[in-house]
Every structure is written in structure tokens, then in C-alpha cells.
Amino acid sequence: MLEQYPYLPLILMFVVVYFFMIAPQRKRQKQEKKFTEELKKGDKVVTKSGMHGKIVDLNDNDFSCVIETMAGKIKFDRTAISMEMSKKVNAPEKK
């Protein structure tokens, strides 16, 4: 059978790579984009560098936000906010 279809293994490898690597990455990018678009004032967030704070201002012109921390207010790009850690901070506590 391989003599008839010499490119079949290459095509199958591409399909496997697509479904195990490319498709999940695209799904994750869509989720992160949706998360950053849905941010609002008062949300508790964690940046990718580990800084905890609360959003006090959102700027749609340069896609940034101002986060209030214990050290003061700091301006961040919205892409610097960690989706996973922010969801953990906002998750209800289990007793």
C-alpha cells in the first residue's frame, strides 16, 4: 500500500501534529484574548510575573490597565495578566 501512496506517512504526521499541537494552541489563544477583553474594573488579577492586584482603570487606546497593588498603582499591558492565576484568585474557596 505504501508503494501506491508514498506521501501518506508524511500527511498522517502533519495531521497528528495539527491535532495535538496547533489546534490546542489556537484554542488557548482565543481563550486568552476573550479573557483580556472581558476584564473590568475591580477584578482581582495576577500578572505573569507574579504581581497581585486589583484593576482600577482600563485603557482601550493602548490596551493597557492600571493595577493597584500594596506598593501603589502600576500600569501594565493587558497581555501581561495571567489568565490561569487570575482565575485561581477569583475562584470561590472550597470548605
PDB file of N, CA and C in Angstrom:
ATOM      1  N   MET A   1       0.821  -1.191   0.000  1.00  0.00           N
ATOM      2  CA  MET A   1       0.000   0.000   0.000  1.00  0.00           C
ATOM      3  C   MET A   1       0.867   1.258   0.000  1.00  0.00           C
ATOM      4  N   LEU A   2       1.973   1.245   0.751  1.00  0.00           N
ATOM      5  CA  LEU A   2       2.844   2.415   0.786  1.00  0.00           C
ATOM      6  C   LEU A   2       3.476   2.706  -0.566  1.00  0.00           C
ATOM      7  N   GLU A   3       3.606   1.676  -1.406  1.00  0.00           N
ATOM      8  CA  GLU A   3       4.163   1.905  -2.729  1.00  0.00           C
ATOM      9  C   GLU A   3       3.213   2.752  -3.563  1.00  0.00           C
ATOM     10  N   GLN A   4       1.930   2.605  -3.327  1.00  0.00           N
ATOM     11  CA  GLN A   4       0.937   3.360  -4.082  1.00  0.00           C
ATOM     12  C   GLN A   4       0.806   4.803  -3.570  1.00  0.00           C
ATOM     13  N   TYR A   5       1.000   5.004  -2.271  1.00  0.00           N
ATOM     14  CA  TYR A   5       0.848   6.325  -1.655  1.00  0.00           C
ATOM     15  C   TYR A   5       2.113   6.669  -0.858  1.00  0.00           C
ATOM     16  N   PRO A   6       3.140   7.140  -1.508  1.00  0.00           N
ATOM     17  CA  PRO A   6       4.400   7.383  -0.790  1.00  0.00           C
ATOM     18  C   PRO A   6       4.325   8.570   0.187  1.00  0.00           C
ATOM     19  N   TYR A   7       3.387   9.471   0.005  1.00  0.00           N
ATOM     20  CA  TYR A   7       3.294  10.640   0.877  1.00  0.00           C
ATOM     21  C   TYR A   7       2.328  10.443   2.046  1.00  0.00           C
ATOM     22  N   LEU A   8       1.717   9.298   2.132  1.00  0.00           N
ATOM     23  CA  LEU A   8       0.744   9.031   3.189  1.00  0.00           C
ATOM     24  C   LEU A   8       1.333   9.183   4.600  1.00  0.00           C
ATOM     25  N   PRO A   9       2.508   8.631   4.901  1.00  0.00           N
ATOM     26  CA  PRO A   9       3.058   8.817   6.261  1.00  0.00           C
ATOM     27  C   PRO A   9       3.319  10.287   6.594  1.00  0.00           C
ATOM     28  N   LEU A  10       3.767  11.060   5.626  1.00  0.00           N
ATOM     29  CA  LEU A  10       4.020  12.484   5.850  1.00  0.00           C
ATOM     30  C   LEU A  10       2.716  13.234   6.135  1.00  0.00           C
ATOM     31  N   ILE A  11       1.689  12.915   5.398  1.00  0.00           N
ATOM     32  CA  ILE A  11       0.387  13.546   5.611  1.00  0.00           C
ATOM     33  C   ILE A  11      -0.174  13.165   6.975  1.00  0.00           C
ATOM     34  N   LEU A  12      -0.040  11.903   7.347  1.00  0.00           N
ATOM     35  CA  LEU A  12      -0.522  11.456   8.658  1.00  0.00           C
ATOM     36  C   LEU A  12       0.234  12.145   9.800  1.00  0.00           C
ATOM     37  N   MET A  13       1.543  12.326   9.637  1.00  0.00           N
ATOM     38  CA  MET A  13       2.330  13.028  10.660  1.00  0.00           C
ATOM     39  C   MET A  13       1.839  14.473  10.802  1.00  0.00           C
ATOM     40  N   PHE A  14       1.569  15.131   9.695  1.00  0.00           N
ATOM     41  CA  PHE A  14       1.074  16.504   9.754  1.00  0.00           C
ATOM     42  C   PHE A  14      -0.272  16.574  10.466  1.00  0.00           C
ATOM     43  N   VAL A  15      -1.159  15.632  10.190  1.00  0.00           N
ATOM     44  CA  VAL A  15      -2.471  15.609  10.838  1.00  0.00           C
ATOM     45  C   VAL A  15      -2.318  15.424  12.345  1.00  0.00           C
ATOM     46  N   VAL A  16      -1.444  14.535  12.757  1.00  0.00           N
ATOM     47  CA  VAL A  16      -1.215  14.298  14.190  1.00  0.00           C
ATOM     48  C   VAL A  16      -0.650  15.549  14.850  1.00  0.00           C
ATOM     49  N   VAL A  17       0.330  16.179  14.225  1.00  0.00           N
ATOM     50  CA  VAL A  17       0.919  17.408  14.779  1.00  0.00           C
ATOM     51  C   VAL A  17      -0.143  18.491  14.892  1.00  0.00           C
ATOM     52  N   TYR A  18      -0.982  18.618  13.886  1.00  0.00           N
ATOM     53  CA  TYR A  18      -2.024  19.648  13.918  1.00  0.00           C
ATOM     54  C   TYR A  18      -2.969  19.433  15.101  1.00  0.00           C
ATOM     55  N   PHE A  19      -3.477  18.213  15.272  1.00  0.00           N
ATOM     56  CA  PHE A  19      -4.462  17.972  16.321  1.00  0.00           C
ATOM     57  C   PHE A  19      -3.881  17.949  17.725  1.00  0.00           C
ATOM     58  N   PHE A  20      -2.593  17.652  17.870  1.00  0.00           N
ATOM     59  CA  PHE A  20      -2.009  17.607  19.210  1.00  0.00           C
ATOM     60  C   PHE A  20      -1.228  18.861  19.589  1.00  0.00           C
ATOM     61  N   MET A  21      -0.869  19.699  18.614  1.00  0.00           N
ATOM     62  CA  MET A  21      -0.066  20.879  18.941  1.00  0.00           C
ATOM     63  C   MET A  21      -0.700  22.182  18.462  1.00  0.00           C
ATOM     64  N   ILE A  22      -1.079  22.265  17.225  1.00  0.00           N
ATOM     65  CA  ILE A  22      -1.538  23.526  16.657  1.00  0.00           C
ATOM     66  C   ILE A  22      -2.957  23.860  17.119  1.00  0.00           C
ATOM     67  N   ALA A  23      -3.876  22.941  17.030  1.00  0.00           N
ATOM     68  CA  ALA A  23      -5.269  23.205  17.410  1.00  0.00           C
ATOM     69  C   ALA A  23      -5.412  23.608  18.885  1.00  0.00           C
ATOM     70  N   PRO A  24      -4.790  22.911  19.845  1.00  0.00           N
ATOM     71  CA  PRO A  24      -4.911  23.343  21.244  1.00  0.00           C
ATOM     72  C   PRO A  24      -4.310  24.729  21.494  1.00  0.00           C
ATOM     73  N   GLN A  25      -3.216  25.051  20.791  1.00  0.00           N
ATOM     74  CA  GLN A  25      -2.601  26.363  20.957  1.00  0.00           C
ATOM     75  C   GLN A  25      -3.535  27.466  20.450  1.00  0.00           C
ATOM     76  N   ARG A  26      -4.190  27.239  19.332  1.00  0.00           N
ATOM     77  CA  ARG A  26      -5.132  28.226  18.800  1.00  0.00           C
ATOM     78  C   ARG A  26      -6.312  28.412  19.752  1.00  0.00           C
ATOM     79  N   LYS A  27      -6.785  27.315  20.340  1.00  0.00           N
ATOM     80  CA  LYS A  27      -7.896  27.397  21.294  1.00  0.00           C
ATOM     81  C   LYS A  27      -7.485  28.217  22.511  1.00  0.00           C
ATOM     82  N   ARG A  28      -6.288  27.992  22.996  1.00  0.00           N
ATOM     83  CA  ARG A  28      -5.777  28.726  24.158  1.00  0.00           C
ATOM     84  C   ARG A  28      -5.635  30.219  23.851  1.00  0.00           C
ATOM     85  N   GLN A  29      -5.155  30.552  22.654  1.00  0.00           N
ATOM     86  CA  GLN A  29      -5.031  31.953  22.271  1.00  0.00           C
ATOM     87  C   GLN A  29      -6.388  32.639  22.238  1.00  0.00           C
ATOM     88  N   LYS A  30      -7.403  31.955  21.742  1.00  0.00           N
ATOM     89  CA  LYS A  30      -8.753  32.526  21.711  1.00  0.00           C
ATOM     90  C   LYS A  30      -9.276  32.754  23.129  1.00  0.00           C
ATOM     91  N   GLN A  31      -9.009  31.798  24.032  1.00  0.00           N
ATOM     92  CA  GLN A  31      -9.457  31.938  25.421  1.00  0.00           C
ATOM     93  C   GLN A  31      -8.775  33.128  26.090  1.00  0.00           C
ATOM     94  N   GLU A  32      -7.462  33.295  25.867  1.00  0.00           N
ATOM     95  CA  GLU A  32      -6.738  34.408  26.477  1.00  0.00           C
ATOM     96  C   GLU A  32      -7.214  35.745  25.928  1.00  0.00           C
ATOM     97  N   LYS A  33      -7.499  35.800  24.627  1.00  0.00           N
ATOM     98  CA  LYS A  33      -7.997  37.040  24.039  1.00  0.00           C
ATOM     99  C   LYS A  33      -9.355  37.397  24.632  1.00  0.00           C
ATOM    100  N   LYS A  34     -10.232  36.414  24.774  1.00  0.00           N
ATOM    101  CA  LYS A  34     -11.545  36.640  25.366  1.00  0.00           C
ATOM    102  C   LYS A  34     -11.402  37.109  26.819  1.00  0.00           C
ATOM    103  N   PHE A  35     -10.484  36.485  27.555  1.00  0.00           N
ATOM    104  CA  PHE A  35     -10.252  36.851  28.952  1.00  0.00           C
ATOM    105  C   PHE A  35      -9.801  38.308  29.068  1.00  0.00           C
ATOM    106  N   THR A  36      -8.833  38.728  28.241  1.00  0.00           N
ATOM    107  CA  THR A  36      -8.344  40.104  28.333  1.00  0.00           C
ATOM    108  C   THR A  36      -9.397  41.113  27.901  1.00  0.00           C
ATOM    109  N   GLU A  37     -10.270  40.731  26.968  1.00  0.00           N
ATOM    110  CA  GLU A  37     -11.333  41.645  26.541  1.00  0.00           C
ATOM    111  C   GLU A  37     -12.424  41.782  27.599  1.00  0.00           C
ATOM    112  N   GLU A  38     -12.612  40.767  28.432  1.00  0.00           N
ATOM    113  CA  GLU A  38     -13.672  40.783  29.448  1.00  0.00           C
ATOM    114  C   GLU A  38     -13.223  41.360  30.787  1.00  0.00           C
ATOM    115  N   LEU A  39     -11.968  41.793  30.898  1.00  0.00           N
ATOM    116  CA  LEU A  39     -11.501  42.389  32.150  1.00  0.00           C
ATOM    117  C   LEU A  39     -12.294  43.653  32.443  1.00  0.00           C
ATOM    118  N   LYS A  40     -12.559  43.891  33.725  1.00  0.00           N
ATOM    119  CA  LYS A  40     -13.295  45.090  34.119  1.00  0.00           C
ATOM    120  C   LYS A  40     -12.715  45.633  35.416  1.00  0.00           C
ATOM    121  N   LYS A  41     -13.078  46.856  35.735  1.00  0.00           N
ATOM    122  CA  LYS A  41     -12.596  47.488  36.964  1.00  0.00           C
ATOM    123  C   LYS A  41     -13.047  46.667  38.169  1.00  0.00           C
ATOM    124  N   GLY A  42     -12.156  46.522  39.119  1.00  0.00           N
ATOM    125  CA  GLY A  42     -12.468  45.786  40.338  1.00  0.00           C
ATOM    126  C   GLY A  42     -12.055  44.329  40.311  1.00  0.00           C
ATOM    127  N   ASP A  43     -11.690  43.803  39.136  1.00  0.00           N
ATOM    128  CA  ASP A  43     -11.251  42.410  39.047  1.00  0.00           C
ATOM    129  C   ASP A  43      -9.912  42.227  39.759  1.00  0.00           C
ATOM    130  N   LYS A  44      -9.800  41.148  40.514  1.00  0.00           N
ATOM    131  CA  LYS A  44      -8.517  40.786  41.118  1.00  0.00           C
ATOM    132  C   LYS A  44      -7.738  39.994  40.079  1.00  0.00           C
ATOM    133  N   VAL A  45      -6.479  40.375  39.863  1.00  0.00           N
ATOM    134  CA  VAL A  45      -5.665  39.735  38.829  1.00  0.00           C
ATOM    135  C   VAL A  45      -4.274  39.434  39.359  1.00  0.00           C
ATOM    136  N   VAL A  46      -3.593  38.552  38.632  1.00  0.00           N
ATOM    137  CA  VAL A  46      -2.190  38.232  38.888  1.00  0.00           C
ATOM    138  C   VAL A  46      -1.479  38.364  37.553  1.00  0.00           C
ATOM    139  N   THR A  47      -0.368  39.100  37.545  1.00  0.00           N
ATOM    140  CA  THR A  47       0.381  39.240  36.305  1.00  0.00           C
ATOM    141  C   THR A  47       1.233  37.997  36.080  1.00  0.00           C
ATOM    142  N   LYS A  48       1.757  37.857  34.881  1.00  0.00           N
ATOM    143  CA  LYS A  48       2.601  36.701  34.570  1.00  0.00           C
ATOM    144  C   LYS A  48       3.890  36.716  35.368  1.00  0.00           C
ATOM    145  N   SER A  49       4.290  37.900  35.863  1.00  0.00           N
ATOM    146  CA  SER A  49       5.484  37.978  36.699  1.00  0.00           C
ATOM    147  C   SER A  49       5.172  37.699  38.169  1.00  0.00           C
ATOM    148  N   GLY A  50       3.873  37.518  38.506  1.00  0.00           N
ATOM    149  CA  GLY A  50       3.501  37.132  39.865  1.00  0.00           C
ATOM    150  C   GLY A  50       2.985  38.258  40.732  1.00  0.00           C
ATOM    151  N   MET A  51       2.766  39.452  40.186  1.00  0.00           N
ATOM    152  CA  MET A  51       2.282  40.574  40.987  1.00  0.00           C
ATOM    153  C   MET A  51       0.758  40.502  41.117  1.00  0.00           C
ATOM    154  N   HIS A  52       0.267  40.594  42.357  1.00  0.00           N
ATOM    155  CA  HIS A  52      -1.164  40.542  42.639  1.00  0.00           C
ATOM    156  C   HIS A  52      -1.697  41.957  42.762  1.00  0.00           C
ATOM    157  N   GLY A  53      -2.931  42.159  42.305  1.00  0.00           N
ATOM    158  CA  GLY A  53      -3.533  43.476  42.436  1.00  0.00           C
ATOM    159  C   GLY A  53      -4.967  43.483  41.973  1.00  0.00           C
ATOM    160  N   LYS A  54      -5.529  44.699  41.951  1.00  0.00           N
ATOM    161  CA  LYS A  54      -6.918  44.892  41.538  1.00  0.00           C
ATOM    162  C   LYS A  54      -6.925  45.942  40.437  1.00  0.00           C
ATOM    163  N   ILE A  55      -7.707  45.705  39.387  1.00  0.00           N
ATOM    164  CA  ILE A  55      -7.765  46.642  38.270  1.00  0.00           C
ATOM    165  C   ILE A  55      -8.534  47.889  38.700  1.00  0.00           C
ATOM    166  N   VAL A  56      -7.916  49.077  38.490  1.00  0.00           N
ATOM    167  CA  VAL A  56      -8.582  50.332  38.819  1.00  0.00           C
ATOM    168  C   VAL A  56      -8.897  51.152  37.580  1.00  0.00           C
ATOM    169  N   ASP A  57      -8.236  50.862  36.448  1.00  0.00           N
ATOM    170  CA  ASP A  57      -8.501  51.610  35.222  1.00  0.00           C
ATOM    171  C   ASP A  57      -8.139  50.765  34.010  1.00  0.00           C
ATOM    172  N   LEU A  58      -8.949  50.871  32.951  1.00  0.00           N
ATOM    173  CA  LEU A  58      -8.687  50.183  31.696  1.00  0.00           C
ATOM    174  C   LEU A  58      -8.591  51.219  30.585  1.00  0.00           C
ATOM    175  N   ASN A  59      -7.596  51.081  29.718  1.00  0.00           N
ATOM    176  CA  ASN A  59      -7.415  51.995  28.605  1.00  0.00           C
ATOM    177  C   ASN A  59      -7.503  51.200  27.311  1.00  0.00           C
ATOM    178  N   ASP A  60      -8.535  51.464  26.505  1.00  0.00           N
ATOM    179  CA  ASP A  60      -8.717  50.732  25.262  1.00  0.00           C
ATOM    180  C   ASP A  60      -7.839  51.261  24.128  1.00  0.00           C
ATOM    181  N   ASN A  61      -7.315  52.477  24.269  1.00  0.00           N
ATOM    182  CA  ASN A  61      -6.480  53.045  23.204  1.00  0.00           C
ATOM    183  C   ASN A  61      -5.163  52.290  23.044  1.00  0.00           C
ATOM    184  N   ASP A  62      -4.487  52.017  24.150  1.00  0.00           N
ATOM    185  CA  ASP A  62      -3.212  51.286  24.078  1.00  0.00           C
ATOM    186  C   ASP A  62      -3.302  49.898  24.706  1.00  0.00           C
ATOM    187  N   PHE A  63      -4.529  49.425  24.980  1.00  0.00           N
ATOM    188  CA  PHE A  63      -4.785  48.074  25.508  1.00  0.00           C
ATOM    189  C   PHE A  63      -4.016  47.818  26.806  1.00  0.00           C
ATOM    190  N   SER A  64      -4.057  48.806  27.687  1.00  0.00           N
ATOM    191  CA  SER A  64      -3.359  48.677  28.964  1.00  0.00           C
ATOM    192  C   SER A  64      -4.361  48.764  30.108  1.00  0.00           C
ATOM    193  N   CYS A  65      -3.864  48.510  31.309  1.00  0.00           N
ATOM    194  CA  CYS A  65      -4.686  48.647  32.504  1.00  0.00           C
ATOM    195  C   CYS A  65      -3.805  49.105  33.654  1.00  0.00           C
ATOM    196  N   VAL A  66      -4.428  49.761  34.616  1.00  0.00           N
ATOM    197  CA  VAL A  66      -3.726  50.197  35.816  1.00  0.00           C
ATOM    198  C   VAL A  66      -4.155  49.268  36.940  1.00  0.00           C
ATOM    199  N   ILE A  67      -3.157  48.691  37.612  1.00  0.00           N
ATOM    200  CA  ILE A  67      -3.413  47.739  38.693  1.00  0.00           C
ATOM    201  C   ILE A  67      -2.954  48.352  40.010  1.00  0.00           C
ATOM    202  N   GLU A  68      -3.825  48.285  41.006  1.00  0.00           N
ATOM    203  CA  GLU A  68      -3.477  48.782  42.331  1.00  0.00           C
ATOM    204  C   GLU A  68      -2.937  47.619  43.156  1.00  0.00           C
ATOM    205  N   THR A  69      -1.715  47.780  43.628  1.00  0.00           N
ATOM    206  CA  THR A  69      -1.079  46.767  44.474  1.00  0.00           C
ATOM    207  C   THR A  69      -0.814  47.387  45.843  1.00  0.00           C
ATOM    208  N   MET A  70      -0.206  46.625  46.729  1.00  0.00           N
ATOM    209  CA  MET A  70       0.133  47.163  48.040  1.00  0.00           C
ATOM    210  C   MET A  70       1.217  48.240  47.930  1.00  0.00           C
ATOM    211  N   ALA A  71       1.982  48.215  46.838  1.00  0.00           N
ATOM    212  CA  ALA A  71       3.052  49.191  46.637  1.00  0.00           C
ATOM    213  C   ALA A  71       2.555  50.457  45.944  1.00  0.00           C
ATOM    214  N   GLY A  72       1.358  50.427  45.393  1.00  0.00           N
ATOM    215  CA  GLY A  72       0.814  51.577  44.683  1.00  0.00           C
ATOM    216  C   GLY A  72       0.160  51.136  43.387  1.00  0.00           C
ATOM    217  N   LYS A  73       0.001  52.101  42.488  1.00  0.00           N
ATOM    218  CA  LYS A  73      -0.637  51.806  41.204  1.00  0.00           C
ATOM    219  C   LYS A  73       0.435  51.638  40.128  1.00  0.00           C
ATOM    220  N   ILE A  74       0.255  50.609  39.300  1.00  0.00           N
ATOM    221  CA  ILE A  74       1.220  50.300  38.249  1.00  0.00           C
ATOM    222  C   ILE A  74       0.448  50.053  36.959  1.00  0.00           C
ATOM    223  N   LYS A  75       0.979  50.581  35.857  1.00  0.00           N
ATOM    224  CA  LYS A  75       0.343  50.395  34.557  1.00  0.00           C
ATOM    225  C   LYS A  75       0.963  49.187  33.858  1.00  0.00           C
ATOM    226  N   PHE A  76       0.108  48.282  33.367  1.00  0.00           N
ATOM    227  CA  PHE A  76       0.536  47.067  32.670  1.00  0.00           C
ATOM    228  C   PHE A  76      -0.179  46.949  31.339  1.00  0.00           C
ATOM    229  N   ASP A  77       0.433  46.242  30.424  1.00  0.00           N
ATOM    230  CA  ASP A  77      -0.243  45.827  29.206  1.00  0.00           C
ATOM    231  C   ASP A  77      -1.175  44.686  29.604  1.00  0.00           C
ATOM    232  N   ARG A  78      -2.350  44.626  29.006  1.00  0.00           N
ATOM    233  CA  ARG A  78      -3.307  43.583  29.399  1.00  0.00           C
ATOM    234  C   ARG A  78      -2.787  42.180  29.106  1.00  0.00           C
ATOM    235  N   THR A  79      -1.900  42.041  28.139  1.00  0.00           N
ATOM    236  CA  THR A  79      -1.359  40.712  27.837  1.00  0.00           C
ATOM    237  C   THR A  79      -0.429  40.214  28.932  1.00  0.00           C
ATOM    238  N   ALA A  80      -0.037  41.075  29.863  1.00  0.00           N
ATOM    239  CA  ALA A  80       0.831  40.668  30.967  1.00  0.00           C
ATOM    240  C   ALA A  80       0.055  40.023  32.103  1.00  0.00           C
ATOM    241  N   ILE A  81      -1.263  39.975  31.988  1.00  0.00           N
ATOM    242  CA  ILE A  81      -2.086  39.375  33.039  1.00  0.00           C
ATOM    243  C   ILE A  81      -2.251  37.887  32.767  1.00  0.00           C
ATOM    244  N   SER A  82      -1.974  37.084  33.777  1.00  0.00           N
ATOM    245  CA  SER A  82      -2.055  35.630  33.659  1.00  0.00           C
ATOM    246  C   SER A  82      -3.502  35.168  33.805  1.00  0.00           C
ATOM    247  N   MET A  83      -4.001  34.493  32.782  1.00  0.00           N
ATOM    248  CA  MET A  83      -5.379  34.014  32.807  1.00  0.00           C
ATOM    249  C   MET A  83      -5.550  32.929  33.877  1.00  0.00           C
ATOM    250  N   GLU A  84      -4.635  31.955  33.933  1.00  0.00           N
ATOM    251  CA  GLU A  84      -4.784  30.837  34.869  1.00  0.00           C
ATOM    252  C   GLU A  84      -4.716  31.298  36.322  1.00  0.00           C
ATOM    253  N   MET A  85      -3.720  32.115  36.643  1.00  0.00           N
ATOM    254  CA  MET A  85      -3.552  32.544  38.038  1.00  0.00           C
ATOM    255  C   MET A  85      -4.676  33.481  38.460  1.00  0.00           C
ATOM    256  N   SER A  86      -5.142  34.343  37.568  1.00  0.00           N
ATOM    257  CA  SER A  86      -6.241  35.245  37.910  1.00  0.00           C
ATOM    258  C   SER A  86      -7.524  34.471  38.164  1.00  0.00           C
ATOM    259  N   LYS A  87      -7.753  33.410  37.396  1.00  0.00           N
ATOM    260  CA  LYS A  87      -8.944  32.593  37.630  1.00  0.00           C
ATOM    261  C   LYS A  87      -8.852  31.877  38.973  1.00  0.00           C
ATOM    262  N   LYS A  88      -7.648  31.452  39.361  1.00  0.00           N
ATOM    263  CA  LYS A  88      -7.477  30.784  40.659  1.00  0.00           C
ATOM    264  C   LYS A  88      -7.740  31.761  41.806  1.00  0.00           C
ATOM    265  N   VAL A  89      -7.302  33.011  41.653  1.00  0.00           N
ATOM    266  CA  VAL A  89      -7.509  34.014  42.698  1.00  0.00           C
ATOM    267  C   VAL A  89      -8.979  34.307  42.870  1.00  0.00           C
ATOM    268  N   ASN A  90      -9.725  34.359  41.769  1.00  0.00           N
ATOM    269  CA  ASN A  90     -11.145  34.710  41.807  1.00  0.00           C
ATOM    270  C   ASN A  90     -12.064  33.519  42.041  1.00  0.00           C
ATOM    271  N   ALA A  91     -11.527  32.305  42.057  1.00  0.00           N
ATOM    272  CA  ALA A  91     -12.348  31.116  42.269  1.00  0.00           C
ATOM    273  C   ALA A  91     -12.874  31.096  43.697  1.00  0.00           C
ATOM    274  N   PRO A  92     -14.116  30.645  43.883  1.00  0.00           N
ATOM    275  CA  PRO A  92     -14.653  30.550  45.250  1.00  0.00           C
ATOM    276  C   PRO A  92     -13.891  29.496  46.049  1.00  0.00           C
ATOM    277  N   GLU A  93     -13.696  29.801  47.320  1.00  0.00           N
ATOM    278  CA  GLU A  93     -12.955  28.866  48.182  1.00  0.00           C
ATOM    279  C   GLU A  93     -13.816  27.660  48.534  1.00  0.00           C
ATOM    280  N   LYS A  94     -13.197  26.477  48.511  1.00  0.00           N
ATOM    281  CA  LYS A  94     -13.895  25.257  48.894  1.00  0.00           C
ATOM    282  C   LYS A  94     -13.672  25.011  50.366  1.00  0.00           C
ATOM    283  N   LYS A  95     -14.728  24.622  51.063  1.00  0.00           N
ATOM    284  CA  LYS A  95     -14.612  24.361  52.512  1.00  0.00           C
ATOM    285  C   LYS A  95     -14.622  22.895  52.791  1.00  0.00           C
TER     286      LYS A  95
END
